[in-house]
């Protein structure tokens, strides 16, 4: 039995393979299969069992100082406490995402291209997540954010074979071009068909018809996001993958065949969504890759997309299916989005909690999000898993003031409860000072003597209140109906409760 086949059986079945799995991370797996990594990027963990260098570089807003964030141990998870300490009292962006491979294909912030202005770095604290039992930070892109290495070493060129995957999210996407990770042009411009070979993940249907509403894993091969050799989807069962954590994979022999796979990064195996000929249009068979590396934008810096990035690698050579399966099993073992080790039902940072109304007659109602808005609804042990998850919030240090709190959605990593025009919404954190203030709430003793009331950080006379099943920041008396003094003290008082979804 080959080394890779033996490894994947151990990873998928457990037992004697477990100890080997613990020592073999994605780039070890691909190397054992004869397709070593030429790029390995992650803000959350090491991708080699022996790696103990820096994962990413932070740049601080207050004084433009920089520092590196590495792993807690060789082959381990990011030292998020270092980031928290360095960025305390100010904000940081991720300035560089380091390559863990011997090729040193580090990615700084991408400059302007022919289709988009210069980018910004992602806000360093926008995407807190649990991985391997540790709080770490993913990279949350909100448009005009991107990274690029234009002189990469060892990356496929001119029809050479390669493979790549990234762990992303199906809940933070849009239909604008182009949330990519992979092989792009050396010059930040569209230089023709087949000059890119990158994973794309989003809801843009370049070649209709597409099945479902996405988001889909697609191949950005330049001048098209391909789901097949025809461009459009030939697989009616591929309606998209909206899981909170998604493994997206592309591999291409550079001559006459490419394949697309995806999977739930929290459980299960990969699904092959397409495996067949290169696109039938001129220029794609053979490919003409140039060997640059892009993350977050298109090859010409089309940078209107949003997306999430936790980890990704690129290989030299075409990986085997067995190696892909072993890598997916390793990704699942990370436990992205698993419960925090902090006890639930408190306001401690990292705790998951549910907020129960204390108003008489409404004590079976909880604050939850629904269609991006915050509402109250009845949640019980018989409720659906979706309803329970939507009514569970991860407590984070206040995005604008660490002595207060912010509430991250349990079901939508990187989305926070914030107020806009006094109504509370669930939205992705974009790093701006306005969003940080709008998403920060300061706990106070419950105004009716029960539980906790939450004052808006930037409107301190307004508190989180439920009114006619919607949630607002409300003052005690005012011109808006939701400012009514009637039952105000009850409506702004909440029980911090054991979460419906830990």
Protein backbone atom coordinates (compact mmCIF):
# COMPACT_ATOMS: atom_id res chain seq x y z
CA UNK A 1 0.00 0.00 0.00
CA UNK A 2 1.38 3.46 -0.92
CA UNK A 3 2.27 5.93 1.81
CA UNK A 4 -0.52 8.34 0.88
CA UNK A 5 -3.15 5.62 0.67
CA UNK A 6 -2.13 4.26 4.06
CA UNK A 7 -2.25 7.75 5.52
CA UNK A 8 -5.71 8.56 4.21
CA UNK A 9 -7.10 5.28 5.53
CA UNK A 10 -5.72 6.12 8.96
CA UNK A 11 -7.12 9.63 8.84
CA UNK A 12 -10.58 8.54 7.77
CA UNK A 13 -10.87 5.44 9.92
CA UNK A 14 -8.95 6.49 13.04
CA UNK A 15 -7.29 3.74 15.06
CA UNK A 16 -3.65 3.15 14.31
CA UNK A 17 -3.58 6.01 11.81
CA UNK A 18 -4.43 8.63 14.40
CA UNK A 19 -0.90 9.20 15.69
CA UNK A 20 0.37 9.49 12.12
CA UNK A 21 -2.42 11.95 11.33
CA UNK A 22 -1.38 14.14 14.24
CA UNK A 23 2.16 14.38 12.84
CA UNK A 24 1.15 14.88 9.20
CA UNK A 25 -0.28 18.23 8.18
CA UNK A 26 -1.42 19.19 4.65
CA UNK A 27 1.99 19.93 3.18
CA UNK A 28 3.47 16.79 4.76
CA UNK A 29 0.65 14.80 3.14
CA UNK A 30 1.19 16.32 -0.29
CA UNK A 31 4.97 15.90 -0.04
CA UNK A 32 4.54 12.20 0.82
CA UNK A 33 2.45 11.86 -2.34
CA UNK A 34 5.18 13.40 -4.50
CA UNK A 35 3.50 16.80 -4.96
CA UNK A 36 5.20 19.13 -2.47
CA UNK A 37 3.79 22.49 -1.50
CA UNK A 38 5.26 25.53 -3.24
CA UNK A 39 2.99 27.86 -1.26
CA UNK A 40 1.41 27.39 2.16
CA UNK A 41 -0.51 30.32 3.64
CA UNK A 42 -2.57 30.43 6.83
CA UNK A 43 -3.41 32.87 9.60
CA UNK A 44 -4.67 30.09 11.85
CA UNK A 45 -2.12 27.26 11.98
CA UNK A 46 1.01 25.58 10.71
CA UNK A 47 0.61 23.55 7.54
CA UNK A 48 3.80 21.51 8.12
CA UNK A 49 4.29 19.47 11.28
CA UNK A 50 7.77 20.98 11.71
CA UNK A 51 6.87 24.60 10.99
CA UNK A 52 7.54 27.08 13.79
CA UNK A 53 8.05 30.36 11.93
CA UNK A 54 5.79 33.40 11.49
CA UNK A 55 2.33 33.01 10.01
CA UNK A 56 1.56 36.66 9.32
CA UNK A 57 2.73 40.19 10.00
CA UNK A 58 0.60 42.83 11.74
CA UNK A 59 0.75 46.57 11.17
CA UNK A 60 -0.57 48.78 13.97
CA UNK A 61 -2.62 51.90 13.21
CA UNK A 62 -1.41 53.98 16.15
CA UNK A 63 2.28 54.09 15.19
CA UNK A 64 2.68 51.94 12.03
CA UNK A 65 4.79 49.46 14.00
CA UNK A 66 4.86 45.87 12.74
CA UNK A 67 5.25 42.51 14.42
CA UNK A 68 4.99 38.86 13.42
CA UNK A 69 2.52 36.32 14.77
CA UNK A 70 3.82 32.77 14.87
CA UNK A 71 2.61 29.47 16.26
CA UNK A 72 2.33 28.44 19.88
CA UNK A 73 4.34 25.29 19.13
CA UNK A 74 5.97 23.72 16.09
CA UNK A 75 3.19 22.42 13.88
CA UNK A 76 0.61 24.19 16.06
CA UNK A 77 -1.88 27.02 16.07
CA UNK A 78 -1.48 30.79 15.85
CA UNK A 79 -0.45 32.75 18.93
CA UNK A 80 -3.53 34.97 18.95
CA UNK A 81 -2.61 36.39 22.35
CA UNK A 82 0.39 38.07 20.74
CA UNK A 83 -1.94 39.82 18.30
CA UNK A 84 -4.30 40.84 21.09
CA UNK A 85 -1.45 42.33 23.10
CA UNK A 86 0.19 44.14 20.18
CA UNK A 87 -3.10 45.64 18.93
CA UNK A 88 -4.55 46.54 22.36
CA UNK A 89 -6.00 50.05 22.40
CA UNK A 90 -5.72 50.48 18.63
CA UNK A 91 -6.40 48.52 15.44
CA UNK A 92 -4.22 46.38 13.20
CA UNK A 93 -4.30 45.05 9.67
CA UNK A 94 -2.63 41.92 8.35
CA UNK A 95 0.28 43.40 6.42
CA UNK A 96 1.88 40.21 5.07
CA UNK A 97 0.74 36.57 4.96
CA UNK A 98 3.87 34.46 5.10
CA UNK A 99 4.54 31.38 3.01
CA UNK A 100 5.46 28.41 5.19
CA UNK A 101 7.01 26.49 2.28
CA UNK A 102 10.76 26.58 1.53
CA UNK A 103 9.91 28.76 -1.49
CA UNK A 104 9.23 31.82 0.71
CA UNK A 105 6.36 33.00 -1.48
CA UNK A 106 5.15 35.56 1.05
CA UNK A 107 2.14 37.72 0.13
CA UNK A 108 2.16 41.45 0.89
CA UNK A 109 -0.84 43.72 0.28
CA UNK A 110 -1.61 43.92 -3.43
CA UNK A 111 -0.95 47.17 -5.30
CA UNK A 112 -3.16 48.63 -8.03
CA UNK A 113 -3.90 46.69 -11.21
CA UNK A 114 -5.61 47.46 -14.47
CA UNK A 115 -9.06 46.71 -13.03
CA UNK A 116 -8.82 47.99 -9.48
CA UNK A 117 -7.06 50.49 -7.21
CA UNK A 118 -4.48 49.56 -4.59
CA UNK A 119 -5.82 47.30 -1.88
CA UNK A 120 -5.90 47.50 1.89
CA UNK A 121 -4.96 44.76 4.32
CA UNK A 122 -7.71 42.88 6.08
CA UNK A 123 -8.58 44.01 9.62
CA UNK A 124 -6.70 41.62 11.86
CA UNK A 125 -9.51 41.04 14.37
CA UNK A 126 -12.47 40.80 12.00
CA UNK A 127 -12.72 37.01 11.93
CA UNK A 128 -12.14 35.39 15.33
CA UNK A 129 -12.64 31.63 15.23
CA UNK A 130 -11.90 28.53 17.24
CA UNK A 131 -9.44 26.07 15.68
CA UNK A 132 -7.73 23.19 17.43
CA UNK A 133 -9.34 24.35 20.67
CA UNK A 134 -7.65 27.77 20.40
CA UNK A 135 -9.01 31.18 19.50
CA UNK A 136 -7.29 32.30 16.31
CA UNK A 137 -8.08 34.78 13.56
CA UNK A 138 -9.02 34.16 9.94
CA UNK A 139 -8.74 36.80 7.22
CA UNK A 140 -12.01 38.54 6.34
CA UNK A 141 -12.07 40.38 2.99
CA UNK A 142 -14.65 43.14 2.54
CA UNK A 143 -13.79 44.43 -0.92
CA UNK A 144 -10.69 46.36 -2.03
CA UNK A 145 -8.62 43.99 0.08
CA UNK A 146 -6.10 41.64 -1.45
CA UNK A 147 -2.60 40.13 -1.36
CA UNK A 148 -0.18 39.31 -4.18
CA UNK A 149 3.23 37.76 -4.82
CA UNK A 150 4.19 38.71 -8.35
CA UNK A 151 7.55 36.90 -8.51
CA UNK A 152 6.72 33.55 -6.94
CA UNK A 153 9.16 30.64 -6.95
CA UNK A 154 8.26 27.12 -8.07
CA UNK A 155 4.64 27.84 -9.01
CA UNK A 156 3.40 26.23 -12.23
CA UNK A 157 3.98 28.07 -15.51
CA UNK A 158 3.18 27.39 -19.18
CA UNK A 159 1.03 24.31 -18.79
CA UNK A 160 2.73 22.65 -15.83
CA UNK A 161 0.48 20.61 -13.48
CA UNK A 162 -0.55 21.90 -10.06
CA UNK A 163 -3.14 21.62 -7.34
CA UNK A 164 -4.46 23.98 -4.67
CA UNK A 165 -7.06 24.21 -1.93
CA UNK A 166 -8.28 26.82 0.49
CA UNK A 167 -10.51 26.77 3.55
CA UNK A 168 -13.04 29.56 3.18
CA UNK A 169 -16.63 30.29 4.26
CA UNK A 170 -19.96 29.87 2.50
CA UNK A 171 -21.60 32.56 4.62
CA UNK A 172 -19.42 35.55 3.64
CA UNK A 173 -19.65 35.81 -0.13
CA UNK A 174 -20.97 38.00 -2.92
CA UNK A 175 -21.37 37.98 -6.69
CA UNK A 176 -18.62 40.46 -7.54
CA UNK A 177 -15.27 39.59 -9.08
CA UNK A 178 -13.20 37.87 -7.80
CA UNK A 179 -12.47 36.06 -4.54
CA UNK A 180 -9.54 33.96 -5.77
CA UNK A 181 -6.60 32.02 -4.37
CA UNK A 182 -4.00 30.62 -6.70
CA UNK A 183 -1.96 31.16 -9.84
CA UNK A 184 -2.21 34.56 -11.53
CA UNK A 185 -0.38 36.91 -13.89
CA UNK A 186 2.99 38.43 -13.08
CA UNK A 187 1.74 41.80 -14.30
CA UNK A 188 -1.48 42.75 -12.51
CA UNK A 189 -3.50 42.66 -15.70
CA UNK A 190 -5.56 40.34 -17.88
CA UNK A 191 -2.99 38.88 -20.28
CA UNK A 192 -5.28 36.35 -21.93
CA UNK A 193 -7.15 33.07 -21.72
CA UNK A 194 -5.44 30.40 -19.64
CA UNK A 195 -3.00 32.76 -17.94
CA UNK A 196 -4.61 32.12 -14.53
CA UNK A 197 -5.30 28.91 -12.62
CA UNK A 198 -6.96 29.90 -9.33
CA UNK A 199 -9.77 28.73 -7.09
CA UNK A 200 -12.72 31.09 -7.11
CA UNK A 201 -15.45 30.98 -4.47
CA UNK A 202 -18.53 33.18 -4.64
CA UNK A 203 -21.99 33.59 -6.14
CA UNK A 204 -21.01 35.06 -9.51
CA UNK A 205 -22.38 32.87 -12.29
CA UNK A 206 -20.09 33.82 -15.18
CA UNK A 207 -21.45 31.23 -17.63
CA UNK A 208 -25.17 30.64 -17.09
CA UNK A 209 -26.97 28.47 -16.37
CA UNK A 210 -25.73 27.70 -12.87
CA UNK A 211 -27.58 25.35 -10.57
CA UNK A 212 -28.90 26.81 -7.31
CA UNK A 213 -27.72 30.09 -5.85
CA UNK A 214 -24.16 29.17 -4.83
CA UNK A 215 -21.61 29.94 -3.63
CA UNK A 216 -19.75 27.60 -5.95
CA UNK A 217 -16.16 26.49 -6.18
CA UNK A 218 -15.07 27.52 -9.67
CA UNK A 219 -11.84 27.75 -11.65
CA UNK A 220 -10.73 31.27 -12.52
CA UNK A 221 -8.69 30.49 -15.61
CA UNK A 222 -8.83 34.13 -16.77
CA UNK A 223 -11.72 35.57 -18.76
CA UNK A 224 -14.11 33.21 -17.09
CA UNK A 225 -15.11 31.41 -13.92
CA UNK A 226 -15.43 27.83 -15.10
CA UNK A 227 -17.55 25.04 -13.63
CA UNK A 228 -16.83 22.75 -16.59
CA UNK A 229 -15.17 22.67 -20.00
CA UNK A 230 -18.30 24.38 -21.32
CA UNK A 231 -18.01 27.09 -18.68
CA UNK A 232 -21.52 26.66 -17.31
CA UNK A 233 -22.50 24.04 -14.76
CA UNK A 234 -22.93 20.55 -16.21
CA UNK A 235 -23.72 19.19 -12.74
CA UNK A 236 -27.31 19.97 -11.62
CA UNK A 237 -26.56 18.68 -8.12
CA UNK A 238 -23.88 21.34 -7.64
CA UNK A 239 -26.12 24.04 -6.19
CA UNK A 240 -23.36 25.58 -4.05
CA UNK A 241 -21.91 25.15 -0.60
CA UNK A 242 -23.12 27.58 2.05
CA UNK A 243 -21.52 25.84 5.04
CA UNK A 244 -19.82 28.15 7.55
CA UNK A 245 -16.47 26.51 6.70
CA UNK A 246 -15.79 25.15 3.22
CA UNK A 247 -12.85 23.31 1.68
CA UNK A 248 -12.53 24.44 -1.96
CA UNK A 249 -10.09 22.57 -4.23
CA UNK A 250 -8.85 22.91 -7.81
CA UNK A 251 -6.30 20.81 -9.64
CA UNK A 252 -5.18 21.09 -13.23
CA UNK A 253 -2.74 19.02 -15.29
CA UNK A 254 -2.12 22.12 -17.40
CA UNK A 255 -2.79 20.33 -20.67
CA UNK A 256 -6.18 18.72 -21.05
CA UNK A 257 -7.87 18.12 -17.69
CA UNK A 258 -8.94 19.98 -14.53
CA UNK A 259 -11.06 19.08 -11.52
CA UNK A 260 -13.09 20.97 -8.91
CA UNK A 261 -13.97 19.62 -5.47
CA UNK A 262 -15.58 21.02 -2.35
CA UNK A 263 -16.54 19.82 1.10
CA UNK A 264 -17.68 20.84 4.53
CA UNK A 265 -14.47 21.77 6.35
CA UNK A 266 -16.08 20.68 9.65
CA UNK A 267 -17.11 17.16 8.65
CA UNK A 268 -17.23 14.59 5.87
CA UNK A 269 -15.36 14.08 2.64
CA UNK A 270 -14.79 16.04 -0.53
CA UNK A 271 -17.27 15.93 -3.41
CA UNK A 272 -15.98 16.11 -6.98
CA UNK A 273 -18.12 18.72 -8.72
CA UNK A 274 -16.32 18.47 -12.06
CA UNK A 275 -13.49 16.40 -13.52
CA UNK A 276 -12.94 16.59 -17.25
CA UNK A 277 -11.39 18.41 -20.19
CA UNK A 278 -9.98 21.92 -20.09
CA UNK A 279 -12.32 24.65 -21.38
CA UNK A 280 -13.10 24.25 -25.08
CA UNK A 281 -12.46 27.91 -25.82
CA UNK A 282 -9.09 28.84 -27.35
CA UNK A 283 -6.14 29.40 -25.01
CA UNK A 284 -6.90 26.92 -22.23
CA UNK A 285 -5.46 23.69 -23.61
CA UNK A 286 -2.61 23.85 -22.90
CA UNK A 287 -2.68 26.42 -20.11
CA UNK A 288 -0.38 29.46 -20.01
CA UNK A 289 0.02 30.07 -16.27
CA UNK A 290 2.47 32.77 -15.24
CA UNK A 291 3.25 31.69 -11.67
CA UNK A 292 2.20 34.70 -9.59
CA UNK A 293 0.07 34.10 -6.45
CA UNK A 294 -3.11 36.05 -5.67
CA UNK A 295 -5.49 36.06 -2.70
CA UNK A 296 -8.77 37.97 -2.52
CA UNK A 297 -8.89 39.54 -6.00
CA UNK A 298 -8.86 38.65 -9.68
CA UNK A 299 -5.73 38.49 -11.80
CA UNK A 300 -6.18 42.09 -12.97
CA UNK A 301 -7.04 43.18 -9.40
CA UNK A 302 -10.79 43.14 -9.86
CA UNK A 303 -11.41 43.68 -6.16
CA UNK A 304 -15.12 43.97 -5.49
CA UNK A 305 -15.47 40.56 -3.87
CA UNK A 306 -15.84 39.61 -0.24
CA UNK A 307 -14.74 36.35 1.33
CA UNK A 308 -13.01 34.54 4.18
CA UNK A 309 -9.63 32.78 4.19
CA UNK A 310 -8.25 30.50 6.87
CA UNK A 311 -5.63 28.43 5.07
CA UNK A 312 -4.54 27.35 1.60
CA UNK A 313 -1.71 25.65 -0.26
CA UNK A 314 -0.44 25.22 -3.82
CA UNK A 315 1.48 22.18 -5.01
CA UNK A 316 4.07 21.33 -7.61
CA UNK A 317 2.52 18.55 -9.69
CA UNK A 318 -0.98 17.11 -9.80
CA UNK A 319 -2.04 15.72 -6.38
CA UNK A 320 -3.63 12.31 -6.12
CA UNK A 321 -7.24 11.93 -5.01
CA UNK A 322 -5.98 9.99 -1.99
CA UNK A 323 -3.80 12.94 -0.95
CA UNK A 324 -6.75 15.31 -1.37
CA UNK A 325 -8.87 13.05 0.84
CA UNK A 326 -6.15 12.92 3.49
CA UNK A 327 -5.84 16.69 3.49
CA UNK A 328 -9.61 17.06 3.88
CA UNK A 329 -9.53 14.65 6.83
CA UNK A 330 -6.80 16.75 8.41
CA UNK A 331 -8.77 19.96 7.85
CA UNK A 332 -11.81 18.39 9.54
CA UNK A 333 -9.64 17.37 12.50
CA UNK A 334 -8.85 21.06 13.14
CA UNK A 335 -12.38 21.66 14.38
CA UNK A 336 -12.92 25.06 12.77
CA UNK A 337 -15.83 26.74 14.54
CA UNK A 338 -15.97 24.24 17.39
CA UNK A 339 -17.12 25.44 20.81
CA UNK A 340 -14.68 27.70 22.60
CA UNK A 341 -12.94 26.22 25.65
CA UNK A 342 -14.40 29.16 27.62
CA UNK A 343 -17.49 28.15 29.60
CA UNK A 344 -20.73 29.13 27.89
CA UNK A 345 -23.49 31.33 29.21
CA UNK A 346 -21.30 34.17 30.48
CA UNK A 347 -20.03 37.50 29.17
CA UNK A 348 -16.42 36.34 29.26
CA UNK A 349 -14.62 36.76 25.94
CA UNK A 350 -14.89 33.51 23.99
CA UNK A 351 -18.03 32.34 25.76
CA UNK A 352 -21.09 31.48 23.69
CA UNK A 353 -24.38 32.70 25.09
CA UNK A 354 -28.04 33.21 24.32
CA UNK A 355 -29.90 36.37 25.34
CA UNK A 356 -33.36 35.74 26.80
CA UNK A 357 -35.99 38.45 27.23
CA UNK A 358 -37.17 39.22 30.77
CA UNK A 359 -40.36 41.10 29.86
CA UNK A 360 -43.37 39.36 31.45
CA UNK A 361 -45.15 37.26 28.85
CA UNK A 362 -42.07 37.14 26.60
CA UNK A 363 -39.58 35.16 28.66
CA UNK A 364 -39.58 32.32 26.13
CA UNK A 365 -38.15 34.67 23.48
CA UNK A 366 -34.49 35.09 22.56
CA UNK A 367 -32.52 37.62 20.52
CA UNK A 368 -31.61 36.02 17.19
CA UNK A 369 -30.84 36.98 13.63
CA UNK A 370 -33.18 36.27 10.77
CA UNK A 371 -32.66 37.51 7.20
CA UNK A 372 -29.76 39.66 8.47
CA UNK A 373 -31.94 41.50 11.02
CA UNK A 374 -32.05 40.97 14.78
CA UNK A 375 -35.44 39.83 16.05
CA UNK A 376 -36.86 37.98 19.02
CA UNK A 377 -38.59 34.65 18.64
CA UNK A 378 -39.54 31.66 20.72
CA UNK A 379 -36.70 29.14 20.95
CA UNK A 380 -37.05 25.85 22.80
CA UNK A 381 -35.52 22.40 22.98
CA UNK A 382 -37.77 21.41 20.09
CA UNK A 383 -36.58 24.23 17.81
CA UNK A 384 -34.59 23.50 14.68
CA UNK A 385 -30.79 23.49 14.72
CA UNK A 386 -30.88 26.60 12.52
CA UNK A 387 -33.06 28.52 14.98
CA UNK A 388 -30.90 27.46 17.91
CA UNK A 389 -27.72 28.53 16.12
CA UNK A 390 -29.22 31.86 15.08
CA UNK A 391 -30.07 32.52 18.75
CA UNK A 392 -26.52 31.84 19.94
CA UNK A 393 -23.80 34.50 20.07
CA UNK A 394 -20.07 34.30 20.72
CA UNK A 395 -18.97 36.99 23.14
CA UNK A 396 -15.92 38.94 21.94
CA UNK A 397 -13.99 41.79 23.46
CA UNK A 398 -15.66 45.00 22.37
CA UNK A 399 -14.46 45.91 18.87
CA UNK A 400 -14.26 49.58 19.88
CA UNK A 401 -13.52 49.18 23.60
CA UNK A 402 -12.12 46.05 25.21
CA UNK A 403 -13.97 46.74 28.48
CA UNK A 404 -17.28 46.24 26.63
CA UNK A 405 -18.47 43.33 24.46
CA UNK A 406 -19.36 42.52 20.87
CA UNK A 407 -21.53 39.62 19.74
CA UNK A 408 -20.38 37.40 16.87
CA UNK A 409 -22.93 35.17 15.14
CA UNK A 410 -22.49 31.49 15.95
CA UNK A 411 -23.75 30.48 12.49
CA UNK A 412 -21.96 33.17 10.45
CA UNK A 413 -18.26 33.45 11.34
CA UNK A 414 -17.12 37.06 11.25
CA UNK A 415 -20.64 38.54 11.29
CA UNK A 416 -21.45 40.71 14.29
CA UNK A 417 -24.52 42.27 15.85
CA UNK A 418 -24.40 46.02 15.08
CA UNK A 419 -26.88 48.85 14.99
CA UNK A 420 -27.68 50.85 11.88
CA UNK A 421 -30.34 53.58 11.92
CA UNK A 422 -31.10 52.31 15.47
CA UNK A 423 -32.08 48.81 14.31
CA UNK A 424 -29.81 45.85 15.09
CA UNK A 425 -28.48 43.86 12.15
CA UNK A 426 -26.12 40.93 11.55
CA UNK A 427 -23.30 42.08 9.29
CA UNK A 428 -19.67 41.14 8.51
CA UNK A 429 -17.08 43.23 10.30
CA UNK A 430 -15.40 45.55 7.78
CA UNK A 431 -12.74 47.02 10.07
CA UNK A 432 -14.03 50.60 9.99
CA UNK A 433 -14.23 52.72 13.14
CA UNK A 434 -17.96 53.22 12.58
CA UNK A 435 -18.65 49.49 12.44
CA UNK A 436 -16.52 48.86 15.52
CA UNK A 437 -18.46 51.45 17.50
CA UNK A 438 -21.85 50.28 16.21
CA UNK A 439 -21.02 46.68 17.20
CA UNK A 440 -19.83 47.44 20.74
CA UNK A 441 -22.15 47.25 23.75
CA UNK A 442 -21.34 47.92 27.39
CA UNK A 443 -22.97 45.66 30.01
CA UNK A 444 -24.88 47.32 32.83
CA UNK A 445 -27.04 45.97 35.66
CA UNK A 446 -30.46 45.08 34.27
CA UNK A 447 -32.69 48.15 34.28
CA UNK A 448 -35.58 46.14 35.77
CA UNK A 449 -33.33 44.53 38.36
CA UNK A 450 -32.92 41.34 36.34
CA UNK A 451 -30.01 40.18 34.23
CA UNK A 452 -28.03 42.62 32.13
CA UNK A 453 -28.75 45.67 30.01
CA UNK A 454 -26.42 46.57 27.13
CA UNK A 455 -25.68 50.24 26.42
CA UNK A 456 -24.64 51.21 22.91
CA UNK A 457 -20.98 52.27 22.98
CA UNK A 458 -21.50 55.29 20.71
CA UNK A 459 -25.04 56.11 21.92
CA UNK A 460 -24.68 55.44 25.67
CA UNK A 461 -28.22 56.56 26.51
CA UNK A 462 -29.58 53.84 24.21
CA UNK A 463 -29.82 50.16 25.16
CA UNK A 464 -30.49 46.95 23.25
CA UNK A 465 -34.27 46.59 23.33
CA UNK A 466 -36.85 44.25 21.82
CA UNK A 467 -39.97 45.97 20.54
CA UNK A 468 -42.69 44.26 18.49
CA UNK A 469 -40.35 41.31 17.94
CA UNK A 470 -37.56 43.44 16.44
CA UNK A 471 -34.40 44.56 18.21
CA UNK A 472 -33.20 48.17 18.42
CA UNK A 473 -31.05 50.47 20.47
CA UNK A 474 -33.67 52.51 22.30
CA UNK A 475 -33.79 55.42 24.71
CA UNK A 476 -36.27 55.66 27.55
CA UNK A 477 -38.78 57.91 25.82
CA UNK A 478 -38.28 59.59 22.46
CA UNK A 479 -39.73 60.30 19.05
CA UNK A 480 -39.47 56.73 17.72
CA UNK A 481 -42.12 54.13 18.57
CA UNK A 482 -39.39 51.79 19.85
CA UNK A 483 -38.32 54.50 22.34
CA UNK A 484 -41.63 54.20 24.16
CA UNK A 485 -41.25 54.40 27.93
CA UNK A 486 -43.87 51.68 28.36
CA UNK A 487 -42.12 48.52 29.64
CA UNK A 488 -38.76 50.00 28.57
CA UNK A 489 -36.91 48.75 31.66
CA UNK A 490 -38.18 45.21 31.07
CA UNK A 491 -37.50 45.26 27.33
CA UNK A 492 -33.85 46.33 27.73
CA UNK A 493 -33.06 43.72 30.39
CA UNK A 494 -31.76 40.32 29.22
CA UNK A 495 -30.82 37.07 30.86
CA UNK A 496 -27.36 35.92 29.73
CA UNK A 497 -28.21 32.24 29.33
CA UNK A 498 -26.68 28.90 28.46
CA UNK A 499 -26.39 28.92 24.65
CA UNK A 500 -28.77 26.91 22.51
CA UNK A 501 -25.78 26.00 20.33
CA UNK A 502 -22.55 25.70 22.38
